[in-house]
Amino acid sequence: HPGWLALAIALMLLDYALQAWRWAVLLKPVDPGLTFRLAWAGTAVGWAFNTLLPLRGGNFLRPAVVAIRRDIPYTTLLFSTVAEYVYD
């Protein structure tokens, strides 16, 4: 049924938005200029590639998207995602 599909897509996008917001809040002390839009892009790319790469390899691309566009070391961003998963 198309209505259920639309609801599932909306919930998935809402989940991505919440994860991006949480990640942006976690990174605020490291980079106060980090925007929600960039955190959203990293989160969306990471989860998209999780469907293609084995062992949730998209989680390694998520910090790479932000590291390329901002002057933050990749390792700092990678460990922020590790900290985020620990708190989950």
Protein backbone atom coordinates (compact mmCIF):
# COMPACT_ATOMS: atom_id res chain seq x y z
CA HIS A 1 0.00 0.00 0.00
CA PRO A 2 1.51 3.37 -1.00
CA GLY A 3 0.43 5.05 2.24
CA TRP A 4 2.49 2.67 4.36
CA LEU A 5 5.48 3.17 2.08
CA ALA A 6 5.17 6.95 2.41
CA LEU A 7 4.94 6.62 6.19
CA ALA A 8 8.03 4.40 6.29
CA ILE A 9 10.00 6.87 4.17
CA ALA A 10 8.90 9.79 6.35
CA LEU A 11 9.91 7.96 9.53
CA MET A 12 13.27 6.99 8.05
CA LEU A 13 13.99 10.61 7.08
CA LEU A 14 12.92 11.78 10.52
CA ASP A 15 15.32 9.26 12.07
CA TYR A 16 18.15 10.58 9.86
CA ALA A 17 17.30 14.14 10.90
CA LEU A 18 17.40 13.24 14.59
CA GLN A 19 20.72 11.44 14.18
CA ALA A 20 22.19 14.38 12.26
CA TRP A 21 21.00 16.83 14.91
CA ARG A 22 22.44 14.68 17.71
CA TRP A 23 25.76 14.38 15.89
CA ALA A 24 25.89 18.14 15.24
CA VAL A 25 25.25 18.80 18.95
CA LEU A 26 28.00 16.34 19.88
CA LEU A 27 30.44 18.07 17.51
CA LYS A 28 29.52 21.63 18.55
CA PRO A 29 32.50 21.97 20.97
CA VAL A 30 34.89 20.76 18.25
CA ASP A 31 33.46 22.88 15.41
CA PRO A 32 30.91 25.55 16.36
CA GLY A 33 30.38 26.38 12.67
CA LEU A 34 29.15 22.91 11.73
CA THR A 35 25.71 23.21 10.19
CA PHE A 36 22.80 20.83 10.46
CA ARG A 37 22.80 20.57 6.68
CA LEU A 38 26.34 19.19 6.60
CA ALA A 39 25.62 16.80 9.46
CA TRP A 40 22.51 15.69 7.55
CA ALA A 41 24.55 15.12 4.38
CA GLY A 42 27.09 13.00 6.24
CA THR A 43 24.37 11.00 7.96
CA ALA A 44 22.41 10.40 4.75
CA VAL A 45 25.52 9.37 2.81
CA GLY A 46 26.63 7.07 5.60
CA TRP A 47 23.30 5.29 5.87
CA ALA A 48 22.95 5.07 2.09
CA PHE A 49 26.30 3.35 1.81
CA ASN A 50 25.45 1.04 4.71
CA THR A 51 23.04 -0.63 2.30
CA LEU A 52 25.85 -1.20 -0.21
CA LEU A 53 28.95 -1.89 1.89
CA PRO A 54 29.44 -4.86 4.19
CA LEU A 55 29.82 -4.53 7.96
CA ARG A 56 28.20 -1.07 8.03
CA GLY A 57 31.05 0.46 6.06
CA GLY A 58 29.01 3.59 5.49
CA ASN A 59 29.74 4.58 9.07
CA PHE A 60 33.31 5.28 7.95
CA LEU A 61 32.07 7.54 5.14
CA ARG A 62 29.87 9.63 7.41
CA PRO A 63 32.81 11.40 9.11
CA ALA A 64 34.68 11.57 5.80
CA VAL A 65 31.93 13.71 4.25
CA VAL A 66 32.27 16.26 7.04
CA ALA A 67 36.08 16.07 7.20
CA ILE A 68 36.35 16.90 3.51
CA ARG A 69 34.18 20.01 3.83
CA ARG A 70 35.33 21.28 7.24
CA ASP A 71 38.74 21.67 8.83
CA ILE A 72 38.26 18.86 11.34
CA PRO A 73 40.51 15.78 11.47
CA TYR A 74 38.86 12.60 10.23
CA THR A 75 39.91 10.73 13.37
CA THR A 76 38.12 13.24 15.59
CA LEU A 77 34.93 12.78 13.61
CA LEU A 78 35.34 9.01 13.56
CA PHE A 79 35.70 8.85 17.33
CA SER A 80 32.67 11.10 17.73
CA THR A 81 30.61 8.52 15.85
CA VAL A 82 32.06 5.79 18.07
CA ALA A 83 31.08 7.79 21.15
CA GLU A 84 27.62 8.27 19.69
CA TYR A 85 27.18 4.52 19.18
CA VAL A 86 28.40 3.80 22.70
CA TYR A 87 25.69 6.09 24.09
CA ASP A 88 23.06 4.40 21.93
